Amino acid sequence: MKKFAKMLLMLACVFGLTACGSAETVSEYQQSKIENAQAHATFIIDNVTELVKNGTGAEWLEKYNNVELAEVFTSRLSENFYNKTKKPFPFYAEGKGVRSALSSFESGLETIGTIKKQEESTAVVDGDTIVVTVPITGEKASGSVELIFTNDIYMKMTSCTLNLNETMGQLMTRAALNTLLGMGTVFVVLILISLIISAFGLIPKIQASFSKKEEPVVTPSVSATPAAAKTEEPEDLTDDLELVAVIAAAIAAYEGTSADGFQVRSIRRANTSKWKKA
């Protein structure tokens, strides 16, 4: 029994030491940075709201790049803080953080309206960053501002976003609209695909209509020779004395006699095909 009790006591001590070791302790320096981040957040929200209300924020977004935006913003906040407290305000910000702040407040304040109240802020240390959340109440709706600072000696603001608190009805409405938009897009695409597929049957007809050529007109060919050739009349060569003498001499030489006894009465052209066969 005593051994069992000792074992229970030892286990209780072990669990107690484990619990003590897991509890995170915040140093005074870290706590001071958290408090400074919360104070910075309240002052930043007031100044960003003022810049958006008087139209300076929209002008800065169009006029400056991120580097220039960070310079004019930090200069403006430092000047306002000094005029209000007569103390220097060591404030640093990234250009993209300033741009996100001005952009989100431009759209968010249209829905929330004028900010009436800033609730107590909460801060969470997340590694190299400090995340500060400030609940706000506006004329038309409520929301929260989330600011992120670097967890170092500069505590530079890297992000600032105004988020709206939506009711269950608003969330359901948005979900329904998103569903309708998604389903509508799917049906429109399906209808377009079906129309394209049905148009495939018309493509051969259209192609045939464009590729159809006119039938060539057959024109009668003109023959180089007349249809009915005239019958050539035999040429009378009887009066050609030189030709007669040559023919008589050739016959006499062939017969081995004298040409005195020959008398040529007519001369006619012989068929050339017979000479070819000879």
Protein backbone atom coordinates (compact mmCIF):
# COMPACT_ATOMS: atom_id res chain seq x y z
CA MET A 1 0.00 0.00 0.00
CA LYS A 2 2.82 2.38 0.86
CA LYS A 3 4.59 1.55 -2.38
CA PHE A 4 1.43 2.28 -4.34
CA ALA A 5 1.02 5.64 -2.61
CA LYS A 6 4.63 6.56 -3.35
CA MET A 7 4.15 5.74 -6.99
CA LEU A 8 1.07 7.94 -7.18
CA LEU A 9 2.96 10.79 -5.51
CA MET A 10 5.84 10.46 -7.94
CA LEU A 11 3.47 10.49 -10.92
CA ALA A 12 1.75 13.59 -9.58
CA CYS A 13 5.12 15.34 -9.23
CA VAL A 14 6.10 14.37 -12.76
CA PHE A 15 2.83 15.69 -14.24
CA GLY A 16 3.15 18.86 -12.21
CA LEU A 17 6.67 19.51 -13.47
CA THR A 18 5.53 18.83 -17.05
CA ALA A 19 2.70 21.31 -16.73
CA CYS A 20 5.02 23.93 -15.30
CA GLY A 21 7.50 23.41 -18.10
CA SER A 22 4.85 23.72 -20.85
CA ALA A 23 3.53 27.04 -19.57
CA GLU A 24 5.01 29.88 -21.65
CA THR A 25 6.40 32.75 -19.66
CA VAL A 26 6.44 36.21 -21.26
CA SER A 27 9.37 38.44 -20.43
CA GLU A 28 8.94 42.08 -19.52
CA TYR A 29 10.55 43.15 -22.79
CA GLN A 30 8.19 40.98 -24.79
CA GLN A 31 5.22 42.24 -22.83
CA SER A 32 6.26 45.84 -23.53
CA LYS A 33 6.40 45.10 -27.25
CA ILE A 34 2.92 43.59 -27.12
CA GLU A 35 1.55 46.68 -25.36
CA ASN A 36 3.28 48.98 -27.86
CA ALA A 37 1.80 46.97 -30.74
CA GLN A 38 -1.69 47.35 -29.26
CA ALA A 39 -1.19 51.11 -28.81
CA HIS A 40 0.14 51.40 -32.36
CA ALA A 41 -2.88 49.51 -33.68
CA THR A 42 -5.38 51.96 -32.17
CA PHE A 43 -3.49 54.97 -33.49
CA ILE A 44 -3.09 53.41 -36.96
CA ILE A 45 -6.81 52.66 -37.25
CA ASP A 46 -7.69 56.27 -36.44
CA ASN A 47 -5.25 57.68 -38.99
CA VAL A 48 -6.12 55.24 -41.78
CA THR A 49 -9.82 56.02 -41.27
CA GLU A 50 -9.09 59.74 -41.53
CA LEU A 51 -7.03 59.28 -44.71
CA VAL A 52 -9.79 57.28 -46.35
CA LYS A 53 -12.57 59.67 -45.31
CA ASN A 54 -10.88 62.80 -46.69
CA GLY A 55 -9.86 61.09 -49.96
CA THR A 56 -6.12 61.20 -49.30
CA GLY A 57 -5.88 57.41 -49.19
CA ALA A 58 -7.19 56.95 -52.74
CA GLU A 59 -4.87 59.69 -53.97
CA TRP A 60 -1.86 58.04 -52.35
CA LEU A 61 -2.71 54.64 -53.82
CA GLU A 62 -2.66 56.05 -57.35
CA LYS A 63 0.28 58.42 -56.89
CA TYR A 64 2.91 56.46 -54.92
CA ASN A 65 4.60 53.10 -55.19
CA ASN A 66 5.10 50.89 -52.13
CA VAL A 67 8.38 52.49 -51.06
CA GLU A 68 7.05 56.04 -51.36
CA LEU A 69 3.78 55.00 -49.74
CA ALA A 70 5.60 53.72 -46.66
CA GLU A 71 7.58 56.96 -46.36
CA VAL A 72 4.62 59.35 -46.58
CA PHE A 73 2.50 57.18 -44.28
CA THR A 74 5.08 56.89 -41.50
CA SER A 75 5.87 60.60 -41.80
CA ARG A 76 2.17 61.45 -41.50
CA LEU A 77 1.66 59.24 -38.43
CA SER A 78 4.82 60.49 -36.71
CA GLU A 79 3.75 64.09 -37.27
CA ASN A 80 0.22 63.49 -35.96
CA PHE A 81 1.51 61.63 -32.90
CA TYR A 82 3.98 64.41 -32.07
CA ASN A 83 1.32 67.11 -32.47
CA LYS A 84 -0.95 65.18 -30.14
CA THR A 85 1.51 64.08 -27.42
CA LYS A 86 4.62 66.19 -28.08
CA LYS A 87 6.59 62.95 -28.05
CA PRO A 88 8.45 61.21 -30.88
CA PHE A 89 6.74 58.26 -32.43
CA PRO A 90 9.20 55.58 -33.65
CA PHE A 91 6.93 53.95 -36.19
CA TYR A 92 7.87 51.79 -39.18
CA ALA A 93 5.73 50.23 -41.91
CA GLU A 94 6.12 48.29 -45.13
CA GLY A 95 4.65 49.73 -48.29
CA LYS A 96 2.55 46.65 -49.00
CA GLY A 97 1.13 46.82 -45.47
CA VAL A 98 0.12 50.45 -45.95
CA ARG A 99 -1.43 49.63 -49.31
CA SER A 100 -3.45 46.75 -47.84
CA ALA A 101 -4.67 49.02 -45.04
CA LEU A 102 -5.84 51.80 -47.35
CA SER A 103 -7.41 49.37 -49.85
CA SER A 104 -9.33 47.33 -47.26
CA PHE A 105 -10.57 50.44 -45.44
CA GLU A 106 -11.71 51.99 -48.75
CA SER A 107 -14.08 49.07 -49.37
CA GLY A 108 -14.87 48.16 -45.76
CA LEU A 109 -15.93 51.59 -44.52
CA GLU A 110 -18.59 51.76 -47.24
CA THR A 111 -20.31 48.80 -45.57
CA ILE A 112 -19.54 49.54 -41.92
CA GLY A 113 -19.91 53.31 -42.08
CA THR A 114 -18.21 55.62 -39.62
CA ILE A 115 -16.34 53.75 -36.87
CA LYS A 116 -18.04 54.60 -33.60
CA LYS A 117 -16.03 52.50 -31.18
CA GLN A 118 -12.89 50.43 -30.91
CA GLU A 119 -13.17 47.52 -28.48
CA GLU A 120 -10.32 46.19 -26.35
CA SER A 121 -7.65 44.68 -28.56
CA THR A 122 -6.01 41.28 -28.21
CA ALA A 123 -2.44 40.39 -29.19
CA VAL A 124 -0.86 37.04 -30.01
CA VAL A 125 2.85 36.39 -30.44
CA ASP A 126 3.37 34.07 -33.39
CA GLY A 127 7.08 33.47 -33.78
CA ASP A 128 8.60 36.49 -35.50
CA THR A 129 5.32 38.41 -35.63
CA ILE A 130 2.81 40.01 -33.28
CA VAL A 131 -0.81 39.79 -34.43
CA VAL A 132 -3.16 42.40 -32.96
CA THR A 133 -6.93 42.14 -33.42
CA VAL A 134 -9.14 45.16 -32.68
CA PRO A 135 -12.93 44.68 -32.74
CA ILE A 136 -14.75 47.75 -34.07
CA THR A 137 -18.35 48.94 -34.19
CA GLY A 138 -19.62 51.07 -37.07
CA GLU A 139 -22.82 52.88 -37.94
CA LYS A 140 -24.12 50.09 -40.19
CA ALA A 141 -22.21 46.98 -39.14
CA SER A 142 -19.36 45.69 -37.04
CA GLY A 143 -16.06 44.10 -37.84
CA SER A 144 -12.46 43.81 -36.76
CA VAL A 145 -9.07 45.09 -37.83
CA GLU A 146 -6.14 42.68 -37.91
CA LEU A 147 -2.65 44.20 -37.79
CA ILE A 148 0.62 42.29 -38.03
CA PHE A 149 3.89 43.69 -36.63
CA THR A 150 7.40 42.28 -36.72
CA ASN A 151 8.49 40.91 -33.34
CA ASP A 152 11.75 42.86 -33.13
CA ILE A 153 13.03 46.24 -31.98
CA TYR A 154 11.49 48.02 -35.00
CA MET A 155 7.98 46.55 -34.71
CA LYS A 156 7.32 47.27 -38.37
CA MET A 157 3.71 46.99 -39.57
CA THR A 158 3.56 44.47 -42.41
CA SER A 159 -0.20 44.08 -42.81
CA CYS A 160 -3.45 45.80 -41.84
CA THR A 161 -6.84 44.48 -42.92
CA LEU A 162 -10.41 45.50 -42.11
CA ASN A 163 -12.67 42.45 -41.87
CA LEU A 164 -16.47 42.57 -41.69
CA ASN A 165 -18.54 40.50 -39.27
CA GLU A 166 -21.25 38.81 -41.29
CA THR A 167 -24.46 37.42 -39.83
CA MET A 168 -25.66 33.89 -40.51
CA GLY A 169 -28.18 35.23 -43.02
CA GLN A 170 -25.46 37.09 -44.91
CA LEU A 171 -23.25 34.02 -44.93
CA MET A 172 -26.10 31.86 -46.22
CA THR A 173 -26.94 34.44 -48.88
CA ARG A 174 -23.34 34.57 -50.05
CA ALA A 175 -23.12 30.78 -50.09
CA ALA A 176 -26.34 30.59 -52.15
CA LEU A 177 -25.07 33.19 -54.61
CA ASN A 178 -21.77 31.35 -54.96
CA THR A 179 -23.63 28.09 -55.56
CA LEU A 180 -25.90 29.65 -58.19
CA LEU A 181 -22.95 31.29 -59.88
CA GLY A 182 -21.02 28.04 -60.00
CA MET A 183 -23.95 25.96 -61.26
CA GLY A 184 -24.90 28.65 -63.78
CA THR A 185 -21.38 28.71 -65.15
CA VAL A 186 -21.38 24.92 -65.52
CA PHE A 187 -24.73 24.92 -67.38
CA VAL A 188 -23.65 27.74 -69.69
CA VAL A 189 -20.48 25.87 -70.57
CA LEU A 190 -22.44 22.66 -71.21
CA ILE A 191 -24.88 24.51 -73.48
CA LEU A 192 -22.00 26.03 -75.44
CA ILE A 193 -20.39 22.61 -75.83
CA SER A 194 -23.65 21.08 -77.08
CA LEU A 195 -24.09 23.91 -79.60
CA ILE A 196 -20.55 23.41 -80.86
CA ILE A 197 -21.08 19.66 -81.23
CA SER A 198 -24.36 20.19 -83.09
CA ALA A 199 -22.64 22.64 -85.43
CA PHE A 200 -20.21 19.93 -86.56
CA GLY A 201 -22.91 18.57 -88.91
CA LEU A 202 -23.09 21.89 -90.76
CA ILE A 203 -19.36 22.11 -91.39
CA PRO A 204 -19.31 19.69 -94.40
CA LYS A 205 -22.23 21.54 -96.02
CA ILE A 206 -20.57 24.90 -95.54
CA GLN A 207 -17.30 23.54 -96.83
CA ALA A 208 -19.02 22.05 -99.86
CA SER A 209 -20.77 25.32 -100.66
CA PHE A 210 -17.47 27.20 -100.59
CA SER A 211 -15.52 24.57 -102.55
CA LYS A 212 -18.17 24.11 -105.26
CA LYS A 213 -16.86 25.20 -108.64
CA GLU A 214 -18.74 26.26 -111.74
CA GLU A 215 -19.00 23.61 -114.44
CA PRO A 216 -16.77 24.44 -117.44
CA VAL A 217 -18.60 25.47 -120.62
CA VAL A 218 -17.77 23.12 -123.47
CA THR A 219 -17.02 25.10 -126.63
CA PRO A 220 -16.87 23.37 -129.99
CA SER A 221 -13.33 23.03 -131.23
CA VAL A 222 -12.55 24.42 -134.60
CA SER A 223 -10.94 21.81 -136.81
CA ALA A 224 -7.79 22.84 -138.54
CA THR A 225 -8.92 21.03 -141.68
CA PRO A 226 -12.25 21.60 -143.37
CA ALA A 227 -14.94 18.99 -142.72
CA ALA A 228 -15.22 18.12 -146.32
CA ALA A 229 -11.89 18.24 -148.04
CA LYS A 230 -12.00 19.03 -151.67
CA THR A 231 -10.99 16.26 -154.01
CA GLU A 232 -7.65 17.06 -155.48
CA GLU A 233 -7.77 17.05 -159.23
CA PRO A 234 -4.90 15.30 -160.98
CA GLU A 235 -2.34 17.73 -162.29
CA ASP A 236 -1.78 17.56 -166.03
CA LEU A 237 1.94 17.37 -166.55
CA THR A 238 1.86 16.41 -170.26
CA ASP A 239 3.08 19.79 -171.48
CA ASP A 240 6.10 19.72 -169.15
CA LEU A 241 8.71 18.87 -171.86
CA GLU A 242 11.68 18.64 -169.57
CA LEU A 243 9.89 16.16 -167.32
CA VAL A 244 8.79 14.14 -170.36
CA ALA A 245 12.33 13.97 -171.68
CA VAL A 246 13.69 12.87 -168.31
CA ILE A 247 11.06 10.13 -167.95
CA ALA A 248 11.63 8.88 -171.53
CA ALA A 249 15.37 8.74 -171.02
CA ALA A 250 14.94 6.83 -167.76
CA ILE A 251 12.65 4.28 -169.43
CA ALA A 252 15.00 3.87 -172.41
CA ALA A 253 17.92 3.31 -170.11
CA TYR A 254 15.93 0.76 -168.16
CA GLU A 255 14.85 -1.09 -171.37
CA GLY A 256 18.25 -0.73 -173.04
CA THR A 257 16.77 0.90 -176.17
CA SER A 258 16.67 4.35 -177.67
CA ALA A 259 14.16 7.01 -176.52
CA ASP A 260 13.24 8.01 -180.09
CA GLY A 261 10.42 5.55 -180.33
CA PHE A 262 8.75 6.61 -177.01
CA GLN A 263 5.72 8.95 -176.91
CA VAL A 264 4.48 10.15 -173.52
CA ARG A 265 0.74 10.79 -173.69
CA SER A 266 -0.02 11.49 -169.93
CA ILE A 267 1.79 11.71 -166.61
CA ARG A 268 -0.01 10.83 -163.32
CA ARG A 269 1.32 10.84 -159.72
CA ALA A 270 1.83 7.33 -158.43
CA ASN A 271 0.70 6.20 -154.93
CA THR A 272 3.63 6.76 -152.56
CA SER A 273 2.77 3.71 -150.45
CA LYS A 274 3.68 1.47 -153.37
CA TRP A 275 7.12 3.06 -153.64
CA LYS A 276 7.70 2.42 -149.96
CA LYS A 277 6.98 -1.27 -150.41
CA ALA A 278 9.36 -1.47 -153.37
